[in-house]
Amino acid sequence: MKLPSSPTLSLSYLPGQTFALALCILALIAAASEAAARLWLDGSSVPVAIGSTNTTFDRNIGLLDELLEREGHVDCILLGSSVVLNGFDPALVSDTYAQQTGDPLACYNFGIPALTAKGAGLLAELLVERYHPRLLIYGLTLRAVAEGAFQSDRIYWHITETPWVQYKRGSFTLTGWLADHSSAFQHYLAYRNWMKHEFGNWLAEHKNASRTGYTPLYSTPIIDPAAVNGPAYFTTFRYAPQDLAGLDQILRLHGQGGTQVLLVELPLPLFFRELFDGGAAGYQMRLDELAARAAEYGVPLWQTSTLDLVPENGWAADIQHVNDNGARALSRWLGERLANWAW
């Protein structure tokens, strides 16, 4: 007697159905990862990134997002090169401002080493669009608009080649879209180089980074003015057209979406300005030209070199930067000046 065969479950899919099923599974995994990231990782000490090869830029967006989430708004962003990064402490600017007005400022230092005005112009547009600060302060130096500024092209391309930047500028890339919209992907980007030797240093720098972006210099060297040489662009100064165009990008943001733009000169001591093409008078002439250019947009340029704000022990070894002593002096001055300025 033949026993009846037991029923078996047979699953078979057409190729199109298999592909659709795979997409559904991937979508579920992605959704679960995104939900987990938002629930457990957002707001934690686990870093995020946007995938830039410029590590400072990569870190800054995540930290500025933290500030926005913590405060609910961004009052001011300080933008510029390393002289801004090392020169202004947003916490001290805020405290000084609050002492006179009663209201603290939610400020962030978005200084990027070697950044010039052409890169700053692009970043300024992205930052104003994303954070809508009440005030955008651009830390101006003549190097920022000078022909032949060291490393300026490299830094510019590091920024413009970032997929997130390309996406924000209107060129759709999946990586750029994910970096802008997906918390899980932003956390992944922060750990994408975990197998590289330098990743440990990057992670330590990120975790130890100031939540306001400020990076102080602590050395106080003994400086012999006779032994100091000016940078290459001091010898024969020429404006770089692409950097002047970047400066105009910044100036055009004045009044856009409620954001005011302010230019602040980063100071240099008199003996150093005398090394400039045409001496201290030549240096001042160029600053005045830039002040006139800014005035056409209704933007003031606060000049600082002639105010002698930085104490003798406030300069770094290259004289173009200030150390923490100089940064404290500049930050207090800026906070007081902002408190007495109608903005």
C-alpha atoms as a PDB file:
ATOM      1  CA  MET A   1       0.000   0.000   0.000  1.00  0.00           C
ATOM      2  CA  LYS A   2       1.419   3.308  -1.068  1.00  0.00           C
ATOM      3  CA  LEU A   3       1.477   5.881   1.668  1.00  0.00           C
ATOM      4  CA  PRO A   4       0.315   9.358   0.734  1.00  0.00           C
ATOM      5  CA  SER A   5       3.153  11.760   0.379  1.00  0.00           C
ATOM      6  CA  SER A   6       3.334  14.518   2.989  1.00  0.00           C
ATOM      7  CA  PRO A   7       2.608  18.014   1.770  1.00  0.00           C
ATOM      8  CA  THR A   8       5.697  20.175   1.199  1.00  0.00           C
ATOM      9  CA  LEU A   9       5.947  23.926   1.073  1.00  0.00           C
ATOM     10  CA  SER A  10       7.493  25.066  -2.177  1.00  0.00           C
ATOM     11  CA  LEU A  11       8.603  28.672  -2.615  1.00  0.00           C
ATOM     12  CA  SER A  12       9.586  29.843  -6.024  1.00  0.00           C
ATOM     13  CA  TYR A  13       9.958  33.372  -7.280  1.00  0.00           C
ATOM     14  CA  LEU A  14      10.385  34.852 -10.660  1.00  0.00           C
ATOM     15  CA  PRO A  15      13.596  36.890 -11.146  1.00  0.00           C
ATOM     16  CA  GLY A  16      11.660  40.133 -10.896  1.00  0.00           C
ATOM     17  CA  GLN A  17      10.003  39.038  -7.663  1.00  0.00           C
ATOM     18  CA  THR A  18      13.377  38.032  -6.185  1.00  0.00           C
ATOM     19  CA  PHE A  19      14.799  41.462  -6.973  1.00  0.00           C
ATOM     20  CA  ALA A  20      11.774  43.187  -5.443  1.00  0.00           C
ATOM     21  CA  LEU A  21      12.078  41.044  -2.315  1.00  0.00           C
ATOM     22  CA  ALA A  22      15.771  41.926  -2.011  1.00  0.00           C
ATOM     23  CA  LEU A  23      14.932  45.616  -2.295  1.00  0.00           C
ATOM     24  CA  CYS A  24      12.282  45.287   0.407  1.00  0.00           C
ATOM     25  CA  ILE A  25      14.756  43.555   2.725  1.00  0.00           C
ATOM     26  CA  LEU A  26      17.387  46.232   2.096  1.00  0.00           C
ATOM     27  CA  ALA A  27      14.824  48.958   2.709  1.00  0.00           C
ATOM     28  CA  LEU A  28      13.814  47.339   6.012  1.00  0.00           C
ATOM     29  CA  ILE A  29      17.448  47.050   7.098  1.00  0.00           C
ATOM     30  CA  ALA A  30      18.105  50.678   6.141  1.00  0.00           C
ATOM     31  CA  ALA A  31      14.995  51.858   7.974  1.00  0.00           C
ATOM     32  CA  ALA A  32      15.909  49.861  11.066  1.00  0.00           C
ATOM     33  CA  SER A  33      19.480  51.218  11.000  1.00  0.00           C
ATOM     34  CA  GLU A  34      18.235  54.777  10.625  1.00  0.00           C
ATOM     35  CA  ALA A  35      15.742  54.378  13.480  1.00  0.00           C
ATOM     36  CA  ALA A  36      18.416  52.857  15.722  1.00  0.00           C
ATOM     37  CA  ALA A  37      20.871  55.663  14.904  1.00  0.00           C
ATOM     38  CA  ARG A  38      18.333  58.369  15.665  1.00  0.00           C
ATOM     39  CA  LEU A  39      17.208  56.654  18.859  1.00  0.00           C
ATOM     40  CA  TRP A  40      20.542  55.631  20.398  1.00  0.00           C
ATOM     41  CA  LEU A  41      23.339  57.530  18.642  1.00  0.00           C
ATOM     42  CA  ASP A  42      21.997  61.022  17.961  1.00  0.00           C
ATOM     43  CA  GLY A  43      22.865  63.325  20.832  1.00  0.00           C
ATOM     44  CA  SER A  44      25.517  60.910  22.123  1.00  0.00           C
ATOM     45  CA  SER A  45      29.290  61.224  22.046  1.00  0.00           C
ATOM     46  CA  VAL A  46      29.429  59.043  18.931  1.00  0.00           C
ATOM     47  CA  PRO A  47      30.720  61.349  16.166  1.00  0.00           C
ATOM     48  CA  VAL A  48      29.139  62.094  12.811  1.00  0.00           C
ATOM     49  CA  ALA A  49      30.768  63.250   9.579  1.00  0.00           C
ATOM     50  CA  ILE A  50      29.863  64.301   6.042  1.00  0.00           C
ATOM     51  CA  GLY A  51      32.590  62.430   4.176  1.00  0.00           C
ATOM     52  CA  SER A  52      35.086  65.216   3.469  1.00  0.00           C
ATOM     53  CA  THR A  53      38.800  64.594   3.148  1.00  0.00           C
ATOM     54  CA  ASN A  54      39.295  67.810   5.135  1.00  0.00           C
ATOM     55  CA  THR A  55      39.034  66.512   8.688  1.00  0.00           C
ATOM     56  CA  THR A  56      38.297  69.907  10.263  1.00  0.00           C
ATOM     57  CA  PHE A  57      35.443  70.548   7.851  1.00  0.00           C
ATOM     58  CA  ASP A  58      34.234  66.965   8.314  1.00  0.00           C
ATOM     59  CA  ARG A  59      34.010  67.490  12.067  1.00  0.00           C
ATOM     60  CA  ASN A  60      32.611  71.027  12.073  1.00  0.00           C
ATOM     61  CA  ILE A  61      29.238  70.283  10.504  1.00  0.00           C
ATOM     62  CA  GLY A  62      28.459  67.647  13.121  1.00  0.00           C
ATOM     63  CA  LEU A  63      29.506  69.910  15.993  1.00  0.00           C
ATOM     64  CA  LEU A  64      27.524  72.824  14.602  1.00  0.00           C
ATOM     65  CA  ASP A  65      24.505  70.537  14.300  1.00  0.00           C
ATOM     66  CA  GLU A  66      25.009  69.698  17.985  1.00  0.00           C
ATOM     67  CA  LEU A  67      25.001  73.404  18.867  1.00  0.00           C
ATOM     68  CA  LEU A  68      21.789  73.956  16.930  1.00  0.00           C
ATOM     69  CA  GLU A  69      20.096  71.025  18.643  1.00  0.00           C
ATOM     70  CA  ARG A  70      21.353  72.098  22.070  1.00  0.00           C
ATOM     71  CA  GLU A  71      20.457  75.795  21.803  1.00  0.00           C
ATOM     72  CA  GLY A  72      17.621  75.655  19.295  1.00  0.00           C
ATOM     73  CA  HIS A  73      19.225  78.408  17.209  1.00  0.00           C
ATOM     74  CA  VAL A  74      22.603  79.742  16.050  1.00  0.00           C
ATOM     75  CA  ASP A  75      23.363  83.397  16.762  1.00  0.00           C
ATOM     76  CA  CYS A  76      26.728  83.745  15.074  1.00  0.00           C
ATOM     77  CA  ILE A  77      29.248  81.773  13.052  1.00  0.00           C
ATOM     78  CA  LEU A  78      32.898  82.807  12.880  1.00  0.00           C
ATOM     79  CA  LEU A  79      34.336  81.759   9.524  1.00  0.00           C
ATOM     80  CA  GLY A  80      37.903  81.931   8.277  1.00  0.00           C
ATOM     81  CA  SER A  81      41.275  80.206   8.261  1.00  0.00           C
ATOM     82  CA  SER A  82      43.405  78.963  11.151  1.00  0.00           C
ATOM     83  CA  VAL A  83      43.865  82.527  12.409  1.00  0.00           C
ATOM     84  CA  VAL A  84      40.141  82.445  13.209  1.00  0.00           C
ATOM     85  CA  LEU A  85      40.294  78.866  14.490  1.00  0.00           C
ATOM     86  CA  ASN A  86      43.026  79.858  16.972  1.00  0.00           C
ATOM     87  CA  GLY A  87      41.970  83.469  17.438  1.00  0.00           C
ATOM     88  CA  PHE A  88      38.411  83.576  18.772  1.00  0.00           C
ATOM     89  CA  ASP A  89      36.882  81.659  21.658  1.00  0.00           C
ATOM     90  CA  PRO A  90      33.083  81.716  21.071  1.00  0.00           C
ATOM     91  CA  ALA A  91      32.397  80.909  24.726  1.00  0.00           C
ATOM     92  CA  LEU A  92      34.365  83.968  25.865  1.00  0.00           C
ATOM     93  CA  VAL A  93      32.767  86.136  23.161  1.00  0.00           C
ATOM     94  CA  SER A  94      29.369  84.995  24.434  1.00  0.00           C
ATOM     95  CA  ASP A  95      30.193  85.548  28.113  1.00  0.00           C
ATOM     96  CA  THR A  96      31.555  89.051  27.443  1.00  0.00           C
ATOM     97  CA  TYR A  97      28.515  89.923  25.344  1.00  0.00           C
ATOM     98  CA  ALA A  98      26.168  88.583  28.040  1.00  0.00           C
ATOM     99  CA  GLN A  99      27.861  90.637  30.767  1.00  0.00           C
ATOM    100  CA  GLN A 100      26.777  93.797  28.974  1.00  0.00           C
ATOM    101  CA  THR A 101      23.471  92.744  27.428  1.00  0.00           C
ATOM    102  CA  GLY A 102      22.190  89.997  29.694  1.00  0.00           C
ATOM    103  CA  ASP A 103      21.814  87.653  26.716  1.00  0.00           C
ATOM    104  CA  PRO A 104      24.406  84.984  25.812  1.00  0.00           C
ATOM    105  CA  LEU A 105      25.221  84.170  22.208  1.00  0.00           C
ATOM    106  CA  ALA A 106      25.124  80.714  20.630  1.00  0.00           C
ATOM    107  CA  CYS A 107      28.284  81.005  18.538  1.00  0.00           C
ATOM    108  CA  TYR A 108      30.524  78.561  16.700  1.00  0.00           C
ATOM    109  CA  ASN A 109      34.075  78.901  15.381  1.00  0.00           C
ATOM    110  CA  PHE A 110      34.169  77.448  11.844  1.00  0.00           C
ATOM    111  CA  GLY A 111      37.839  78.133  11.193  1.00  0.00           C
ATOM    112  CA  ILE A 112      39.565  75.814   8.701  1.00  0.00           C
ATOM    113  CA  PRO A 113      43.367  75.916   8.334  1.00  0.00           C
ATOM    114  CA  ALA A 114      44.620  77.465   5.041  1.00  0.00           C
ATOM    115  CA  LEU A 115      41.090  78.448   3.933  1.00  0.00           C
ATOM    116  CA  THR A 116      40.980  81.468   1.618  1.00  0.00           C
ATOM    117  CA  ALA A 117      38.055  83.586   0.478  1.00  0.00           C
ATOM    118  CA  LYS A 118      37.080  81.444  -2.524  1.00  0.00           C
ATOM    119  CA  GLY A 119      36.447  78.464  -0.239  1.00  0.00           C
ATOM    120  CA  ALA A 120      34.965  80.658   2.469  1.00  0.00           C
ATOM    121  CA  GLY A 121      32.452  82.079  -0.008  1.00  0.00           C
ATOM    122  CA  LEU A 122      31.132  78.628  -0.797  1.00  0.00           C
ATOM    123  CA  LEU A 123      31.040  77.602   2.864  1.00  0.00           C
ATOM    124  CA  ALA A 124      29.328  80.842   3.870  1.00  0.00           C
ATOM    125  CA  GLU A 125      26.456  80.143   1.466  1.00  0.00           C
ATOM    126  CA  LEU A 126      26.059  76.586   2.777  1.00  0.00           C
ATOM    127  CA  LEU A 127      26.214  77.661   6.436  1.00  0.00           C
ATOM    128  CA  VAL A 128      23.690  80.484   6.047  1.00  0.00           C
ATOM    129  CA  GLU A 129      21.323  78.183   4.175  1.00  0.00           C
ATOM    130  CA  ARG A 130      21.591  75.407   6.778  1.00  0.00           C
ATOM    131  CA  TYR A 131      21.777  77.322  10.082  1.00  0.00           C
ATOM    132  CA  HIS A 132      20.319  80.794   9.400  1.00  0.00           C
ATOM    133  CA  PRO A 133      22.644  82.567  11.863  1.00  0.00           C
ATOM    134  CA  ARG A 134      21.787  86.098  12.949  1.00  0.00           C
ATOM    135  CA  LEU A 135      25.395  87.073  12.284  1.00  0.00           C
ATOM    136  CA  LEU A 136      28.106  85.700  10.013  1.00  0.00           C
ATOM    137  CA  ILE A 137      31.544  87.001  10.972  1.00  0.00           C
ATOM    138  CA  TYR A 138      34.281  86.529   8.396  1.00  0.00           C
ATOM    139  CA  GLY A 139      37.779  86.816   9.830  1.00  0.00           C
ATOM    140  CA  LEU A 140      39.579  88.696   7.072  1.00  0.00           C
ATOM    141  CA  THR A 141      43.293  88.628   6.316  1.00  0.00           C
ATOM    142  CA  LEU A 142      45.098  89.855   3.222  1.00  0.00           C
ATOM    143  CA  ARG A 143      46.270  86.282   2.720  1.00  0.00           C
ATOM    144  CA  ALA A 144      42.625  85.294   2.161  1.00  0.00           C
ATOM    145  CA  VAL A 145      42.518  87.353  -1.042  1.00  0.00           C
ATOM    146  CA  ALA A 146      46.184  87.148  -2.093  1.00  0.00           C
ATOM    147  CA  GLU A 147      47.590  85.482  -5.157  1.00  0.00           C
ATOM    148  CA  GLY A 148      49.783  82.501  -4.317  1.00  0.00           C
ATOM    149  CA  ALA A 149      48.447  81.815  -0.808  1.00  0.00           C
ATOM    150  CA  PHE A 150      50.002  78.554   0.391  1.00  0.00           C
ATOM    151  CA  GLN A 151      47.756  75.451   0.108  1.00  0.00           C
ATOM    152  CA  SER A 152      44.665  77.441  -0.833  1.00  0.00           C
ATOM    153  CA  ASP A 153      43.882  75.360  -3.930  1.00  0.00           C
ATOM    154  CA  ARG A 154      44.277  72.067  -2.068  1.00  0.00           C
ATOM    155  CA  ILE A 155      41.885  73.117   0.691  1.00  0.00           C
ATOM    156  CA  TYR A 156      39.398  74.462  -1.846  1.00  0.00           C
ATOM    157  CA  TRP A 157      39.296  71.187  -3.761  1.00  0.00           C
ATOM    158  CA  HIS A 158      39.002  69.146  -0.585  1.00  0.00           C
ATOM    159  CA  ILE A 159      35.853  71.106   0.187  1.00  0.00           C
ATOM    160  CA  THR A 160      34.324  71.171  -3.289  1.00  0.00           C
ATOM    161  CA  GLU A 161      34.966  67.456  -3.881  1.00  0.00           C
ATOM    162  CA  THR A 162      32.980  66.527  -0.764  1.00  0.00           C
ATOM    163  CA  PRO A 163      29.814  64.718  -1.988  1.00  0.00           C
ATOM    164  CA  TRP A 164      27.697  66.547   0.597  1.00  0.00           C
ATOM    165  CA  VAL A 165      28.879  69.905  -0.773  1.00  0.00           C
ATOM    166  CA  GLN A 166      28.213  68.804  -4.346  1.00  0.00           C
ATOM    167  CA  TYR A 167      24.711  67.712  -3.368  1.00  0.00           C
ATOM    168  CA  LYS A 168      24.020  71.006  -1.592  1.00  0.00           C
ATOM    169  CA  ARG A 169      25.231  72.872  -4.681  1.00  0.00           C
ATOM    170  CA  GLY A 170      22.684  71.059  -6.859  1.00  0.00           C
ATOM    171  CA  SER A 171      24.623  68.054  -8.200  1.00  0.00           C
ATOM    172  CA  PHE A 172      22.747  64.987  -7.006  1.00  0.00           C
ATOM    173  CA  THR A 173      24.830  62.122  -5.673  1.00  0.00           C
ATOM    174  CA  LEU A 174      23.477  59.298  -3.531  1.00  0.00           C
ATOM    175  CA  THR A 175      26.386  59.697  -1.107  1.00  0.00           C
ATOM    176  CA  GLY A 176      25.711  63.419  -0.803  1.00  0.00           C
ATOM    177  CA  TRP A 177      21.984  62.891  -0.295  1.00  0.00           C
ATOM    178  CA  LEU A 178      22.575  60.272   2.403  1.00  0.00           C
ATOM    179  CA  ALA A 179      25.133  62.522   4.135  1.00  0.00           C
ATOM    180  CA  ASP A 180      22.491  65.249   4.260  1.00  0.00           C
ATOM    181  CA  HIS A 181      19.491  63.149   5.298  1.00  0.00           C
ATOM    182  CA  SER A 182      20.615  59.954   7.018  1.00  0.00           C
ATOM    183  CA  SER A 183      21.833  59.943  10.596  1.00  0.00           C
ATOM    184  CA  ALA A 184      23.000  56.349  10.266  1.00  0.00           C
ATOM    185  CA  PHE A 185      25.088  57.223   7.203  1.00  0.00           C
ATOM    186  CA  GLN A 186      26.624  60.227   8.961  1.00  0.00           C
ATOM    187  CA  HIS A 187      27.730  57.962  11.818  1.00  0.00           C
ATOM    188  CA  TYR A 188      29.065  55.458   9.293  1.00  0.00           C
ATOM    189  CA  LEU A 189      31.092  58.203   7.587  1.00  0.00           C
ATOM    190  CA  ALA A 190      32.687  59.091  10.912  1.00  0.00           C
ATOM    191  CA  TYR A 191      33.944  55.498  11.223  1.00  0.00           C
ATOM    192  CA  ARG A 192      34.614  54.783   7.552  1.00  0.00           C
ATOM    193  CA  ASN A 193      38.413  54.961   8.034  1.00  0.00           C
ATOM    194  CA  TRP A 194      38.525  52.812  11.163  1.00  0.00           C
ATOM    195  CA  MET A 195      41.106  50.459   9.645  1.00  0.00           C
ATOM    196  CA  LYS A 196      43.562  53.242   8.836  1.00  0.00           C
ATOM    197  CA  HIS A 197      46.461  53.939  11.162  1.00  0.00           C
ATOM    198  CA  GLU A 198      45.537  57.597  11.701  1.00  0.00           C
ATOM    199  CA  PHE A 199      41.905  56.863  12.598  1.00  0.00           C
ATOM    200  CA  GLY A 200      42.677  56.604  16.303  1.00  0.00           C
ATOM    201  CA  ASN A 201      44.164  60.091  16.291  1.00  0.00           C
ATOM    202  CA  TRP A 202      41.169  61.463  14.371  1.00  0.00           C
ATOM    203  CA  LEU A 203      38.710  59.893  16.790  1.00  0.00           C
ATOM    204  CA  ALA A 204      40.617  61.221  19.813  1.00  0.00           C
ATOM    205  CA  GLU A 205      40.714  64.706  18.291  1.00  0.00           C
ATOM    206  CA  HIS A 206      36.992  64.564  17.607  1.00  0.00           C
ATOM    207  CA  LYS A 207      36.066  63.417  21.109  1.00  0.00           C
ATOM    208  CA  ASN A 208      38.365  65.994  22.703  1.00  0.00           C
ATOM    209  CA  ALA A 209      37.380  68.832  20.371  1.00  0.00           C
ATOM    210  CA  SER A 210      35.809  71.936  21.851  1.00  0.00           C
ATOM    211  CA  ARG A 211      32.066  71.946  21.256  1.00  0.00           C
ATOM    212  CA  THR A 212      32.447  75.566  20.069  1.00  0.00           C
ATOM    213  CA  GLY A 213      35.091  74.791  17.443  1.00  0.00           C
ATOM    214  CA  TYR A 214      37.823  76.919  19.034  1.00  0.00           C
ATOM    215  CA  THR A 215      41.340  75.411  19.042  1.00  0.00           C
ATOM    216  CA  PRO A 216      43.785  77.370  21.227  1.00  0.00           C
ATOM    217  CA  LEU A 217      47.551  77.678  20.808  1.00  0.00           C
ATOM    218  CA  TYR A 218      49.345  77.580  24.149  1.00  0.00           C
ATOM    219  CA  SER A 219      52.962  78.383  23.295  1.00  0.00           C
ATOM    220  CA  THR A 220      54.374  81.796  24.234  1.00  0.00           C
ATOM    221  CA  PRO A 221      57.662  82.102  22.323  1.00  0.00           C
ATOM    222  CA  ILE A 222      60.245  84.823  22.733  1.00  0.00           C
ATOM    223  CA  ILE A 223      60.056  86.667  19.416  1.00  0.00           C
ATOM    224  CA  ASP A 224      62.930  88.551  17.834  1.00  0.00           C
ATOM    225  CA  PRO A 225      61.416  90.861  15.187  1.00  0.00           C
ATOM    226  CA  ALA A 226      64.728  90.969  13.324  1.00  0.00           C
ATOM    227  CA  ALA A 227      64.554  87.198  12.792  1.00  0.00           C
ATOM    228  CA  VAL A 228      60.988  87.164  11.439  1.00  0.00           C
ATOM    229  CA  ASN A 229      60.336  86.967   7.705  1.00  0.00           C
ATOM    230  CA  GLY A 230      57.085  87.883   6.019  1.00  0.00           C
ATOM    231  CA  PRO A 231      55.171  85.293   3.958  1.00  0.00           C
ATOM    232  CA  ALA A 232      55.635  85.109   0.193  1.00  0.00           C
ATOM    233  CA  TYR A 233      52.538  87.132  -0.650  1.00  0.00           C
ATOM    234  CA  PHE A 234      53.906  90.063   1.372  1.00  0.00           C
ATOM    235  CA  THR A 235      56.758  90.608  -1.105  1.00  0.00           C
ATOM    236  CA  THR A 236      54.690  91.556  -4.151  1.00  0.00           C
ATOM    237  CA  PHE A 237      51.033  91.622  -3.228  1.00  0.00           C
ATOM    238  CA  ARG A 238      48.397  90.938  -5.870  1.00  0.00           C
ATOM    239  CA  TYR A 239      44.728  90.167  -5.429  1.00  0.00           C
ATOM    240  CA  ALA A 240      43.578  86.724  -6.551  1.00  0.00           C
ATOM    241  CA  PRO A 241      40.439  87.267  -8.694  1.00  0.00           C
ATOM    242  CA  GLN A 242      38.837  83.983  -7.581  1.00  0.00           C
ATOM    243  CA  ASP A 243      39.293  84.955  -3.926  1.00  0.00           C
ATOM    244  CA  LEU A 244      37.840  88.414  -4.457  1.00  0.00           C
ATOM    245  CA  ALA A 245      34.865  86.658  -6.058  1.00  0.00           C
ATOM    246  CA  GLY A 246      34.617  84.473  -2.954  1.00  0.00           C
ATOM    247  CA  LEU A 247      34.659  87.551  -0.746  1.00  0.00           C
ATOM    248  CA  ASP A 248      31.826  88.995  -2.814  1.00  0.00           C
ATOM    249  CA  GLN A 249      29.880  85.756  -2.244  1.00  0.00           C
ATOM    250  CA  ILE A 250      30.143  86.374   1.480  1.00  0.00           C
ATOM    251  CA  LEU A 251      29.206  90.036   1.209  1.00  0.00           C
ATOM    252  CA  ARG A 252      26.120  89.255  -0.898  1.00  0.00           C
ATOM    253  CA  LEU A 253      24.741  87.194   1.974  1.00  0.00           C
ATOM    254  CA  HIS A 254      24.274  90.361   4.023  1.00  0.00           C
ATOM    255  CA  GLY A 255      20.577  90.705   4.823  1.00  0.00           C
ATOM    256  CA  GLN A 256      19.715  87.312   3.313  1.00  0.00           C
ATOM    257  CA  GLY A 257      17.208  85.473   5.463  1.00  0.00           C
ATOM    258  CA  GLY A 258      17.856  87.741   8.414  1.00  0.00           C
ATOM    259  CA  THR A 259      21.630  87.137   8.467  1.00  0.00           C
ATOM    260  CA  GLN A 260      23.948  90.100   8.892  1.00  0.00           C
ATOM    261  CA  VAL A 261      27.520  89.882   7.648  1.00  0.00           C
ATOM    262  CA  LEU A 262      30.482  91.420   9.450  1.00  0.00           C
ATOM    263  CA  LEU A 263      34.148  91.448   8.421  1.00  0.00           C
ATOM    264  CA  VAL A 264      36.753  91.508  11.199  1.00  0.00           C
ATOM    265  CA  GLU A 265      40.438  91.937  10.430  1.00  0.00           C
ATOM    266  CA  LEU A 266      42.760  89.523  12.199  1.00  0.00           C
ATOM    267  CA  PRO A 267      45.534  91.729  13.603  1.00  0.00           C
ATOM    268  CA  LEU A 268      49.255  91.806  12.902  1.00  0.00           C
ATOM    269  CA  PRO A 269      51.863  93.755  14.901  1.00  0.00           C
ATOM    270  CA  LEU A 270      53.377  96.879  13.383  1.00  0.00           C
ATOM    271  CA  PHE A 271      56.862  95.428  12.773  1.00  0.00           C
ATOM    272  CA  PHE A 272      55.268  92.595  10.785  1.00  0.00           C
ATOM    273  CA  ARG A 273      53.066  94.901   8.713  1.00  0.00           C
ATOM    274  CA  GLU A 274      56.189  96.869   7.825  1.00  0.00           C
ATOM    275  CA  LEU A 275      57.431  93.785   5.952  1.00  0.00           C
ATOM    276  CA  PHE A 276      54.464  94.078   3.584  1.00  0.00           C
ATOM    277  CA  ASP A 277      54.716  95.341  -0.003  1.00  0.00           C
ATOM    278  CA  GLY A 278      54.775  99.113   0.550  1.00  0.00           C
ATOM    279  CA  GLY A 279      55.285  98.804   4.310  1.00  0.00           C
ATOM    280  CA  ALA A 280      52.618  99.383   6.923  1.00  0.00           C
ATOM    281  CA  ALA A 281      51.114 102.099   4.737  1.00  0.00           C
ATOM    282  CA  GLY A 282      50.806  99.629   1.854  1.00  0.00           C
ATOM    283  CA  TYR A 283      49.146  97.133   4.175  1.00  0.00           C
ATOM    284  CA  GLN A 284      46.691  99.755   5.382  1.00  0.00           C
ATOM    285  CA  MET A 285      45.922 100.825   1.800  1.00  0.00           C
ATOM    286  CA  ARG A 286      44.871  97.266   0.899  1.00  0.00           C
ATOM    287  CA  LEU A 287      42.696  96.994   3.983  1.00  0.00           C
ATOM    288  CA  ASP A 288      41.016 100.276   3.134  1.00  0.00           C
ATOM    289  CA  GLU A 289      40.345  98.985  -0.387  1.00  0.00           C
ATOM    290  CA  LEU A 290      38.624  95.925   1.050  1.00  0.00           C
ATOM    291  CA  ALA A 291      36.682  98.060   3.512  1.00  0.00           C
ATOM    292  CA  ALA A 292      35.389 100.157   0.607  1.00  0.00           C
ATOM    293  CA  ARG A 293      34.442  96.991  -1.276  1.00  0.00           C
ATOM    294  CA  ALA A 294      32.499  95.696   1.743  1.00  0.00           C
ATOM    295  CA  ALA A 295      30.783  99.050   2.245  1.00  0.00           C
ATOM    296  CA  GLU A 296      29.233  98.724  -1.212  1.00  0.00           C
ATOM    297  CA  TYR A 297      27.223  95.823   0.225  1.00  0.00           C
ATOM    298  CA  GLY A 298      26.469  97.641   3.485  1.00  0.00           C
ATOM    299  CA  VAL A 299      28.951  95.444   5.389  1.00  0.00           C
ATOM    300  CA  PRO A 300      31.398  96.971   7.893  1.00  0.00           C
ATOM    301  CA  LEU A 301      35.029  95.931   8.228  1.00  0.00           C
ATOM    302  CA  TRP A 302      36.312  96.231  11.787  1.00  0.00           C
ATOM    303  CA  GLN A 303      40.051  96.851  11.605  1.00  0.00           C
ATOM    304  CA  THR A 304      42.094  95.651  14.546  1.00  0.00           C
ATOM    305  CA  SER A 305      45.830  95.946  13.817  1.00  0.00           C
ATOM    306  CA  THR A 306      46.063  99.610  14.773  1.00  0.00           C
ATOM    307  CA  LEU A 307      44.201  99.012  18.055  1.00  0.00           C
ATOM    308  CA  ASP A 308      47.070  97.060  19.661  1.00  0.00           C
ATOM    309  CA  LEU A 309      44.637  94.544  21.142  1.00  0.00           C
ATOM    310  CA  VAL A 310      47.106  91.661  21.422  1.00  0.00           C
ATOM    311  CA  PRO A 311      49.572  91.761  24.342  1.00  0.00           C
ATOM    312  CA  GLU A 312      53.269  91.073  23.757  1.00  0.00           C
ATOM    313  CA  ASN A 313      52.873  87.540  25.094  1.00  0.00           C
ATOM    314  CA  GLY A 314      49.837  86.952  22.887  1.00  0.00           C
ATOM    315  CA  TRP A 315      51.532  86.068  19.605  1.00  0.00           C
ATOM    316  CA  ALA A 316      52.401  82.638  18.224  1.00  0.00           C
ATOM    317  CA  ALA A 317      55.834  81.958  16.747  1.00  0.00           C
ATOM    318  CA  ASP A 318      54.868  82.843  13.170  1.00  0.00           C
ATOM    319  CA  ILE A 319      53.285  86.173  14.270  1.00  0.00           C
ATOM    320  CA  GLN A 320      50.376  85.555  11.903  1.00  0.00           C
ATOM    321  CA  HIS A 321      48.485  83.687  14.641  1.00  0.00           C
ATOM    322  CA  VAL A 322      47.747  84.506  18.246  1.00  0.00           C
ATOM    323  CA  ASN A 323      48.119  82.126  21.152  1.00  0.00           C
ATOM    324  CA  ASP A 324      45.537  81.640  23.911  1.00  0.00           C
ATOM    325  CA  ASN A 325      46.552  84.936  25.565  1.00  0.00           C
ATOM    326  CA  GLY A 326      45.947  86.802  22.347  1.00  0.00           C
ATOM    327  CA  ALA A 327      42.715  84.901  21.683  1.00  0.00           C
ATOM    328  CA  ARG A 328      41.341  85.925  25.077  1.00  0.00           C
ATOM    329  CA  ALA A 329      42.078  89.566  24.305  1.00  0.00           C
ATOM    330  CA  LEU A 330      40.495  89.378  20.856  1.00  0.00           C
ATOM    331  CA  SER A 331      37.453  87.464  22.117  1.00  0.00           C
ATOM    332  CA  ARG A 332      36.731  89.945  24.899  1.00  0.00           C
ATOM    333  CA  TRP A 333      37.112  92.845  22.484  1.00  0.00           C
ATOM    334  CA  LEU A 334      34.756  91.230  19.977  1.00  0.00           C
ATOM    335  CA  GLY A 335      32.142  90.461  22.636  1.00  0.00           C
ATOM    336  CA  GLU A 336      32.235  94.060  23.888  1.00  0.00           C
ATOM    337  CA  ARG A 337      32.097  95.491  20.378  1.00  0.00           C
ATOM    338  CA  LEU A 338      29.142  93.308  19.430  1.00  0.00           C
ATOM    339  CA  ALA A 339      27.327  94.325  22.622  1.00  0.00           C
ATOM    340  CA  ASN A 340      27.581  97.981  21.589  1.00  0.00           C
ATOM    341  CA  TRP A 341      26.724  97.396  17.926  1.00  0.00           C
ATOM    342  CA  ALA A 342      23.164  97.539  16.613  1.00  0.00           C
ATOM    343  CA  TRP A 343      22.676  94.245  14.817  1.00  0.00           C
END
